């Protein structure tokens, strides 16, 4: 097992920090809620923001960027919830 981990680390793969995992789960749940809210209220903008909240952690590698983008997208979803 250690040899496999060393090989992955040599290739540049690392495990995400616990803060990153918590943020990804948190913003994923917020995104799921925003998506369903937008779907029920027929708000396309809120639905797309919810989808973005669920998917963006897959392409953002830094923890600080995960939280910055997540807060911005969550704020936008809140702002557009009834517009």
PDB file of N, CA and C in Angstrom:
ATOM      1  N   UNK A   1       0.820  -1.192   0.000  1.00  0.00           N
ATOM      2  CA  UNK A   1       0.000   0.000   0.000  1.00  0.00           C
ATOM      3  C   UNK A   1       0.867   1.261   0.000  1.00  0.00           C
ATOM      4  N   UNK A   2       1.922   1.268   0.762  1.00  0.00           N
ATOM      5  CA  UNK A   2       2.804   2.423   0.838  1.00  0.00           C
ATOM      6  C   UNK A   2       3.485   2.686  -0.496  1.00  0.00           C
ATOM      7  N   UNK A   3       3.821   1.614  -1.227  1.00  0.00           N
ATOM      8  CA  UNK A   3       4.462   1.803  -2.531  1.00  0.00           C
ATOM      9  C   UNK A   3       3.526   2.495  -3.509  1.00  0.00           C
ATOM     10  N   UNK A   4       2.263   2.133  -3.458  1.00  0.00           N
ATOM     11  CA  UNK A   4       1.277   2.760  -4.331  1.00  0.00           C
ATOM     12  C   UNK A   4       1.090   4.230  -3.999  1.00  0.00           C
ATOM     13  N   UNK A   5       1.045   4.540  -2.710  1.00  0.00           N
ATOM     14  CA  UNK A   5       0.909   5.938  -2.292  1.00  0.00           C
ATOM     15  C   UNK A   5       2.127   6.756  -2.694  1.00  0.00           C
ATOM     16  N   UNK A   6       3.310   6.174  -2.535  1.00  0.00           N
ATOM     17  CA  UNK A   6       4.538   6.882  -2.916  1.00  0.00           C
ATOM     18  C   UNK A   6       4.577   7.128  -4.419  1.00  0.00           C
ATOM     19  N   UNK A   7       4.104   6.156  -5.187  1.00  0.00           N
ATOM     20  CA  UNK A   7       4.084   6.310  -6.639  1.00  0.00           C
ATOM     21  C   UNK A   7       3.112   7.415  -7.057  1.00  0.00           C
ATOM     22  N   UNK A   8       1.951   7.462  -6.410  1.00  0.00           N
ATOM     23  CA  UNK A   8       0.982   8.516  -6.726  1.00  0.00           C
ATOM     24  C   UNK A   8       1.510   9.891  -6.330  1.00  0.00           C
ATOM     25  N   UNK A   9       2.170   9.983  -5.184  1.00  0.00           N
ATOM     26  CA  UNK A   9       2.726  11.260  -4.759  1.00  0.00           C
ATOM     27  C   UNK A   9       3.853  11.697  -5.679  1.00  0.00           C
ATOM     28  N   UNK A  10       4.611  10.740  -6.208  1.00  0.00           N
ATOM     29  CA  UNK A  10       5.674  11.080  -7.155  1.00  0.00           C
ATOM     30  C   UNK A  10       5.088  11.637  -8.454  1.00  0.00           C
ATOM     31  N   UNK A  11       3.881  11.217  -8.797  1.00  0.00           N
ATOM     32  CA  UNK A  11       3.211  11.722  -9.995  1.00  0.00           C
ATOM     33  C   UNK A  11       2.498  13.047  -9.744  1.00  0.00           C
ATOM     34  N   UNK A  12       2.462  13.491  -8.496  1.00  0.00           N
ATOM     35  CA  UNK A  12       1.829  14.765  -8.189  1.00  0.00           C
ATOM     36  C   UNK A  12       0.439  14.661  -7.602  1.00  0.00           C
ATOM     37  N   UNK A  13      -0.042  13.455  -7.360  1.00  0.00           N
ATOM     38  CA  UNK A  13      -1.366  13.274  -6.769  1.00  0.00           C
ATOM     39  C   UNK A  13      -1.258  13.353  -5.256  1.00  0.00           C
ATOM     40  N   UNK A  14      -2.145  14.128  -4.643  1.00  0.00           N
ATOM     41  CA  UNK A  14      -2.192  14.237  -3.186  1.00  0.00           C
ATOM     42  C   UNK A  14      -3.636  14.126  -2.731  1.00  0.00           C
ATOM     43  N   UNK A  15      -3.816  13.757  -1.482  1.00  0.00           N
ATOM     44  CA  UNK A  15      -5.147  13.690  -0.914  1.00  0.00           C
ATOM     45  C   UNK A  15      -5.615  15.097  -0.574  1.00  0.00           C
ATOM     46  N   UNK A  16      -6.881  15.381  -0.751  1.00  0.00           N
ATOM     47  CA  UNK A  16      -7.374  16.712  -0.366  1.00  0.00           C
ATOM     48  C   UNK A  16      -7.402  16.842   1.158  1.00  0.00           C
ATOM     49  N   UNK A  17      -7.319  18.067   1.624  1.00  0.00           N
ATOM     50  CA  UNK A  17      -7.355  18.314   3.062  1.00  0.00           C
ATOM     51  C   UNK A  17      -8.786  18.115   3.578  1.00  0.00           C
ATOM     52  N   UNK A  18      -8.935  17.887   4.878  1.00  0.00           N
ATOM     53  CA  UNK A  18     -10.285  17.773   5.439  1.00  0.00           C
ATOM     54  C   UNK A  18     -11.130  19.030   5.212  1.00  0.00           C
ATOM     55  N   UNK A  19     -10.500  20.205   5.230  1.00  0.00           N
ATOM     56  CA  UNK A  19     -11.237  21.443   4.973  1.00  0.00           C
ATOM     57  C   UNK A  19     -11.798  21.453   3.555  1.00  0.00           C
ATOM     58  N   UNK A  20     -11.038  20.928   2.601  1.00  0.00           N
ATOM     59  CA  UNK A  20     -11.501  20.864   1.215  1.00  0.00           C
ATOM     60  C   UNK A  20     -12.693  19.910   1.102  1.00  0.00           C
ATOM     61  N   UNK A  21     -12.595  18.765   1.743  1.00  0.00           N
ATOM     62  CA  UNK A  21     -13.674  17.775   1.672  1.00  0.00           C
ATOM     63  C   UNK A  21     -14.954  18.332   2.289  1.00  0.00           C
ATOM     64  N   UNK A  22     -14.826  18.983   3.435  1.00  0.00           N
ATOM     65  CA  UNK A  22     -15.995  19.578   4.091  1.00  0.00           C
ATOM     66  C   UNK A  22     -16.612  20.655   3.195  1.00  0.00           C
ATOM     67  N   UNK A  23     -15.774  21.493   2.599  1.00  0.00           N
ATOM     68  CA  UNK A  23     -16.280  22.530   1.707  1.00  0.00           C
ATOM     69  C   UNK A  23     -16.972  21.965   0.479  1.00  0.00           C
ATOM     70  N   UNK A  24     -16.399  20.928  -0.107  1.00  0.00           N
ATOM     71  CA  UNK A  24     -17.006  20.312  -1.290  1.00  0.00           C
ATOM     72  C   UNK A  24     -18.373  19.715  -0.959  1.00  0.00           C
ATOM     73  N   UNK A  25     -18.470  19.067   0.187  1.00  0.00           N
ATOM     74  CA  UNK A  25     -19.757  18.491   0.598  1.00  0.00           C
ATOM     75  C   UNK A  25     -20.760  19.599   0.909  1.00  0.00           C
ATOM     76  N   UNK A  26     -20.313  20.608   1.650  1.00  0.00           N
ATOM     77  CA  UNK A  26     -21.194  21.720   2.025  1.00  0.00           C
ATOM     78  C   UNK A  26     -21.761  22.422   0.799  1.00  0.00           C
ATOM     79  N   UNK A  27     -20.895  22.808  -0.131  1.00  0.00           N
ATOM     80  CA  UNK A  27     -21.376  23.530  -1.307  1.00  0.00           C
ATOM     81  C   UNK A  27     -22.150  22.609  -2.258  1.00  0.00           C
ATOM     82  N   UNK A  28     -21.856  21.321  -2.238  1.00  0.00           N
ATOM     83  CA  UNK A  28     -22.647  20.379  -3.020  1.00  0.00           C
ATOM     84  C   UNK A  28     -24.076  20.287  -2.518  1.00  0.00           C
ATOM     85  N   UNK A  29     -24.237  20.262  -1.200  1.00  0.00           N
ATOM     86  CA  UNK A  29     -25.580  20.216  -0.609  1.00  0.00           C
ATOM     87  C   UNK A  29     -26.326  21.523  -0.869  1.00  0.00           C
ATOM     88  N   UNK A  30     -25.633  22.647  -0.726  1.00  0.00           N
ATOM     89  CA  UNK A  30     -26.256  23.943  -1.031  1.00  0.00           C
ATOM     90  C   UNK A  30     -26.673  23.987  -2.503  1.00  0.00           C
ATOM     91  N   UNK A  31     -25.813  23.463  -3.377  1.00  0.00           N
ATOM     92  CA  UNK A  31     -26.130  23.419  -4.801  1.00  0.00           C
ATOM     93  C   UNK A  31     -27.326  22.534  -5.107  1.00  0.00           C
ATOM     94  N   UNK A  32     -27.412  21.403  -4.427  1.00  0.00           N
ATOM     95  CA  UNK A  32     -28.550  20.512  -4.626  1.00  0.00           C
ATOM     96  C   UNK A  32     -29.850  21.200  -4.209  1.00  0.00           C
ATOM     97  N   UNK A  33     -29.802  21.886  -3.069  1.00  0.00           N
ATOM     98  CA  UNK A  33     -30.981  22.626  -2.616  1.00  0.00           C
ATOM     99  C   UNK A  33     -31.349  23.733  -3.601  1.00  0.00           C
ATOM    100  N   UNK A  34     -30.355  24.478  -4.072  1.00  0.00           N
ATOM    101  CA  UNK A  34     -30.624  25.570  -5.016  1.00  0.00           C
ATOM    102  C   UNK A  34     -31.185  25.022  -6.330  1.00  0.00           C
ATOM    103  N   UNK A  35     -30.663  23.895  -6.780  1.00  0.00           N
ATOM    104  CA  UNK A  35     -31.158  23.296  -8.019  1.00  0.00           C
ATOM    105  C   UNK A  35     -32.642  22.926  -7.894  1.00  0.00           C
ATOM    106  N   UNK A  36     -32.992  22.245  -6.798  1.00  0.00           N
ATOM    107  CA  UNK A  36     -34.387  21.844  -6.629  1.00  0.00           C
ATOM    108  C   UNK A  36     -35.298  23.044  -6.387  1.00  0.00           C
ATOM    109  N   UNK A  37     -34.799  24.043  -5.678  1.00  0.00           N
ATOM    110  CA  UNK A  37     -35.586  25.266  -5.472  1.00  0.00           C
ATOM    111  C   UNK A  37     -35.883  25.936  -6.811  1.00  0.00           C
ATOM    112  N   UNK A  38     -34.839  26.052  -7.642  1.00  0.00           N
ATOM    113  CA  UNK A  38     -35.017  26.652  -8.961  1.00  0.00           C
ATOM    114  C   UNK A  38     -35.934  25.840  -9.854  1.00  0.00           C
ATOM    115  N   UNK A  39     -35.864  24.537  -9.717  1.00  0.00           N
ATOM    116  CA  UNK A  39     -36.725  23.677 -10.525  1.00  0.00           C
ATOM    117  C   UNK A  39     -38.190  23.812 -10.100  1.00  0.00           C
ATOM    118  N   UNK A  40     -38.427  23.824  -8.790  1.00  0.00           N
ATOM    119  CA  UNK A  40     -39.796  23.969  -8.298  1.00  0.00           C
ATOM    120  C   UNK A  40     -40.392  25.325  -8.645  1.00  0.00           C
ATOM    121  N   UNK A  41     -39.577  26.377  -8.540  1.00  0.00           N
ATOM    122  CA  UNK A  41     -40.061  27.741  -8.799  1.00  0.00           C
ATOM    123  C   UNK A  41     -39.893  28.163 -10.253  1.00  0.00           C
ATOM    124  N   UNK A  42     -39.388  27.280 -11.075  1.00  0.00           N
ATOM    125  CA  UNK A  42     -39.142  27.527 -12.496  1.00  0.00           C
ATOM    126  C   UNK A  42     -38.250  28.748 -12.695  1.00  0.00           C
ATOM    127  N   UNK A  43     -37.138  28.762 -11.964  1.00  0.00           N
ATOM    128  CA  UNK A  43     -36.124  29.817 -12.061  1.00  0.00           C
ATOM    129  C   UNK A  43     -34.869  29.223 -12.670  1.00  0.00           C
ATOM    130  N   UNK A  44     -34.643  29.513 -13.934  1.00  0.00           N
ATOM    131  CA  UNK A  44     -33.511  28.930 -14.640  1.00  0.00           C
ATOM    132  C   UNK A  44     -32.172  29.362 -14.047  1.00  0.00           C
ATOM    133  N   UNK A  45     -32.054  30.621 -13.666  1.00  0.00           N
ATOM    134  CA  UNK A  45     -30.788  31.126 -13.133  1.00  0.00           C
ATOM    135  C   UNK A  45     -30.423  30.396 -11.840  1.00  0.00           C
ATOM    136  N   UNK A  46     -31.380  30.229 -10.946  1.00  0.00           N
ATOM    137  CA  UNK A  46     -31.119  29.536  -9.685  1.00  0.00           C
ATOM    138  C   UNK A  46     -30.772  28.079  -9.938  1.00  0.00           C
ATOM    139  N   UNK A  47     -31.435  27.464 -10.893  1.00  0.00           N
ATOM    140  CA  UNK A  47     -31.146  26.069 -11.219  1.00  0.00           C
ATOM    141  C   UNK A  47     -29.732  25.914 -11.764  1.00  0.00           C
ATOM    142  N   UNK A  48     -29.295  26.797 -12.645  1.00  0.00           N
ATOM    143  CA  UNK A  48     -27.938  26.723 -13.198  1.00  0.00           C
ATOM    144  C   UNK A  48     -26.891  27.017 -12.133  1.00  0.00           C
ATOM    145  N   UNK A  49     -27.186  27.952 -11.248  1.00  0.00           N
ATOM    146  CA  UNK A  49     -26.248  28.227 -10.153  1.00  0.00           C
ATOM    147  C   UNK A  49     -26.133  27.020  -9.228  1.00  0.00           C
ATOM    148  N   UNK A  50     -27.229  26.341  -8.973  1.00  0.00           N
ATOM    149  CA  UNK A  50     -27.192  25.120  -8.171  1.00  0.00           C
ATOM    150  C   UNK A  50     -26.354  24.035  -8.829  1.00  0.00           C
ATOM    151  N   UNK A  51     -26.505  23.887 -10.125  1.00  0.00           N
ATOM    152  CA  UNK A  51     -25.699  22.905 -10.849  1.00  0.00           C
ATOM    153  C   UNK A  51     -24.219  23.274 -10.798  1.00  0.00           C
ATOM    154  N   UNK A  52     -23.923  24.553 -10.939  1.00  0.00           N
ATOM    155  CA  UNK A  52     -22.530  25.008 -10.854  1.00  0.00           C
ATOM    156  C   UNK A  52     -21.957  24.733  -9.464  1.00  0.00           C
ATOM    157  N   UNK A  53     -22.748  24.955  -8.419  1.00  0.00           N
ATOM    158  CA  UNK A  53     -22.290  24.689  -7.062  1.00  0.00           C
ATOM    159  C   UNK A  53     -21.991  23.202  -6.849  1.00  0.00           C
ATOM    160  N   UNK A  54     -22.749  22.348  -7.478  1.00  0.00           N
ATOM    161  CA  UNK A  54     -22.510  20.913  -7.325  1.00  0.00           C
ATOM    162  C   UNK A  54     -21.289  20.430  -8.089  1.00  0.00           C
ATOM    163  N   UNK A  55     -20.966  21.070  -9.207  1.00  0.00           N
ATOM    164  CA  UNK A  55     -19.914  20.548 -10.081  1.00  0.00           C
ATOM    165  C   UNK A  55     -18.563  21.235  -9.974  1.00  0.00           C
ATOM    166  N   UNK A  56     -18.510  22.480  -9.544  1.00  0.00           N
ATOM    167  CA  UNK A  56     -17.241  23.198  -9.588  1.00  0.00           C
ATOM    168  C   UNK A  56     -16.150  22.608  -8.693  1.00  0.00           C
ATOM    169  N   UNK A  57     -16.446  21.925  -7.572  1.00  0.00           N
ATOM    170  CA  UNK A  57     -15.344  21.370  -6.777  1.00  0.00           C
ATOM    171  C   UNK A  57     -14.489  20.342  -7.535  1.00  0.00           C
ATOM    172  N   UNK A  58     -15.007  19.793  -8.610  1.00  0.00           N
ATOM    173  CA  UNK A  58     -14.239  18.826  -9.387  1.00  0.00           C
ATOM    174  C   UNK A  58     -13.120  19.475 -10.195  1.00  0.00           C
ATOM    175  N   UNK A  59     -13.187  20.782 -10.405  1.00  0.00           N
ATOM    176  CA  UNK A  59     -12.175  21.447 -11.235  1.00  0.00           C
ATOM    177  C   UNK A  59     -11.354  22.488 -10.480  1.00  0.00           C
ATOM    178  N   UNK A  60     -11.659  22.718  -9.205  1.00  0.00           N
ATOM    179  CA  UNK A  60     -10.930  23.703  -8.409  1.00  0.00           C
ATOM    180  C   UNK A  60     -10.042  22.956  -7.405  1.00  0.00           C
ATOM    181  N   UNK A  61      -8.721  23.034  -7.561  1.00  0.00           N
ATOM    182  CA  UNK A  61      -7.855  22.249  -6.678  1.00  0.00           C
ATOM    183  C   UNK A  61      -7.487  22.921  -5.356  1.00  0.00           C
ATOM    184  N   UNK A  62      -7.536  24.247  -5.261  1.00  0.00           N
ATOM    185  CA  UNK A  62      -7.116  24.938  -4.044  1.00  0.00           C
ATOM    186  C   UNK A  62      -8.300  25.121  -3.089  1.00  0.00           C
ATOM    187  N   UNK A  63      -8.028  24.947  -1.801  1.00  0.00           N
ATOM    188  CA  UNK A  63      -9.075  25.080  -0.787  1.00  0.00           C
ATOM    189  C   UNK A  63      -9.590  26.507  -0.707  1.00  0.00           C
ATOM    190  N   UNK A  64      -8.694  27.492  -0.747  1.00  0.00           N
ATOM    191  CA  UNK A  64      -9.141  28.890  -0.653  1.00  0.00           C
ATOM    192  C   UNK A  64     -10.029  29.251  -1.834  1.00  0.00           C
ATOM    193  N   UNK A  65      -9.709  28.740  -3.023  1.00  0.00           N
ATOM    194  CA  UNK A  65     -10.529  29.023  -4.206  1.00  0.00           C
ATOM    195  C   UNK A  65     -11.883  28.315  -4.109  1.00  0.00           C
ATOM    196  N   UNK A  66     -11.886  27.110  -3.548  1.00  0.00           N
ATOM    197  CA  UNK A  66     -13.135  26.380  -3.358  1.00  0.00           C
ATOM    198  C   UNK A  66     -14.106  27.199  -2.515  1.00  0.00           C
ATOM    199  N   UNK A  67     -13.602  27.746  -1.407  1.00  0.00           N
ATOM    200  CA  UNK A  67     -14.475  28.536  -0.530  1.00  0.00           C
ATOM    201  C   UNK A  67     -14.843  29.878  -1.150  1.00  0.00           C
ATOM    202  N   UNK A  68     -13.924  30.524  -1.827  1.00  0.00           N
ATOM    203  CA  UNK A  68     -14.218  31.823  -2.444  1.00  0.00           C
ATOM    204  C   UNK A  68     -15.289  31.681  -3.528  1.00  0.00           C
ATOM    205  N   UNK A  69     -15.129  30.709  -4.398  1.00  0.00           N
ATOM    206  CA  UNK A  69     -16.109  30.490  -5.473  1.00  0.00           C
ATOM    207  C   UNK A  69     -17.432  30.009  -4.896  1.00  0.00           C
ATOM    208  N   UNK A  70     -17.370  29.143  -3.895  1.00  0.00           N
ATOM    209  CA  UNK A  70     -18.584  28.628  -3.272  1.00  0.00           C
ATOM    210  C   UNK A  70     -19.413  29.717  -2.612  1.00  0.00           C
ATOM    211  N   UNK A  71     -18.744  30.627  -1.916  1.00  0.00           N
ATOM    212  CA  UNK A  71     -19.460  31.733  -1.278  1.00  0.00           C
ATOM    213  C   UNK A  71     -20.066  32.646  -2.345  1.00  0.00           C
ATOM    214  N   UNK A  72     -19.317  32.906  -3.400  1.00  0.00           N
ATOM    215  CA  UNK A  72     -19.831  33.771  -4.474  1.00  0.00           C
ATOM    216  C   UNK A  72     -21.038  33.136  -5.171  1.00  0.00           C
ATOM    217  N   UNK A  73     -20.943  31.863  -5.504  1.00  0.00           N
ATOM    218  CA  UNK A  73     -22.060  31.187  -6.173  1.00  0.00           C
ATOM    219  C   UNK A  73     -23.266  31.057  -5.239  1.00  0.00           C
ATOM    220  N   UNK A  74     -23.022  30.782  -3.956  1.00  0.00           N
ATOM    221  CA  UNK A  74     -24.121  30.689  -2.996  1.00  0.00           C
ATOM    222  C   UNK A  74     -24.811  32.041  -2.836  1.00  0.00           C
ATOM    223  N   UNK A  75     -24.034  33.102  -2.785  1.00  0.00           N
ATOM    224  CA  UNK A  75     -24.621  34.439  -2.705  1.00  0.00           C
ATOM    225  C   UNK A  75     -25.447  34.775  -3.931  1.00  0.00           C
ATOM    226  N   UNK A  76     -24.942  34.385  -5.095  1.00  0.00           N
ATOM    227  CA  UNK A  76     -25.701  34.634  -6.328  1.00  0.00           C
ATOM    228  C   UNK A  76     -26.996  33.823  -6.335  1.00  0.00           C
ATOM    229  N   UNK A  77     -26.937  32.584  -5.876  1.00  0.00           N
ATOM    230  CA  UNK A  77     -28.150  31.753  -5.820  1.00  0.00           C
ATOM    231  C   UNK A  77     -29.163  32.360  -4.853  1.00  0.00           C
ATOM    232  N   UNK A  78     -28.679  32.884  -3.737  1.00  0.00           N
ATOM    233  CA  UNK A  78     -29.573  33.541  -2.777  1.00  0.00           C
ATOM    234  C   UNK A  78     -30.182  34.804  -3.377  1.00  0.00           C
ATOM    235  N   UNK A  79     -29.355  35.567  -4.085  1.00  0.00           N
ATOM    236  CA  UNK A  79     -29.832  36.813  -4.681  1.00  0.00           C
ATOM    237  C   UNK A  79     -30.896  36.539  -5.763  1.00  0.00           C
ATOM    238  N   UNK A  80     -30.713  35.498  -6.566  1.00  0.00           N
ATOM    239  CA  UNK A  80     -31.627  35.199  -7.671  1.00  0.00           C
ATOM    240  C   UNK A  80     -32.722  34.203  -7.296  1.00  0.00           C
ATOM    241  N   UNK A  81     -32.895  33.881  -6.035  1.00  0.00           N
ATOM    242  CA  UNK A  81     -33.839  32.840  -5.647  1.00  0.00           C
ATOM    243  C   UNK A  81     -35.269  33.155  -6.031  1.00  0.00           C
ATOM    244  N   UNK A  82     -35.681  34.425  -6.004  1.00  0.00           N
ATOM    245  CA  UNK A  82     -37.067  34.792  -6.324  1.00  0.00           C
ATOM    246  C   UNK A  82     -37.150  35.813  -7.446  1.00  0.00           C
ATOM    247  N   UNK A  83     -36.114  35.932  -8.256  1.00  0.00           N
ATOM    248  CA  UNK A  83     -36.145  36.910  -9.350  1.00  0.00           C
ATOM    249  C   UNK A  83     -36.329  36.236 -10.669  1.00  0.00           C
TER     250      UNK A  83
END
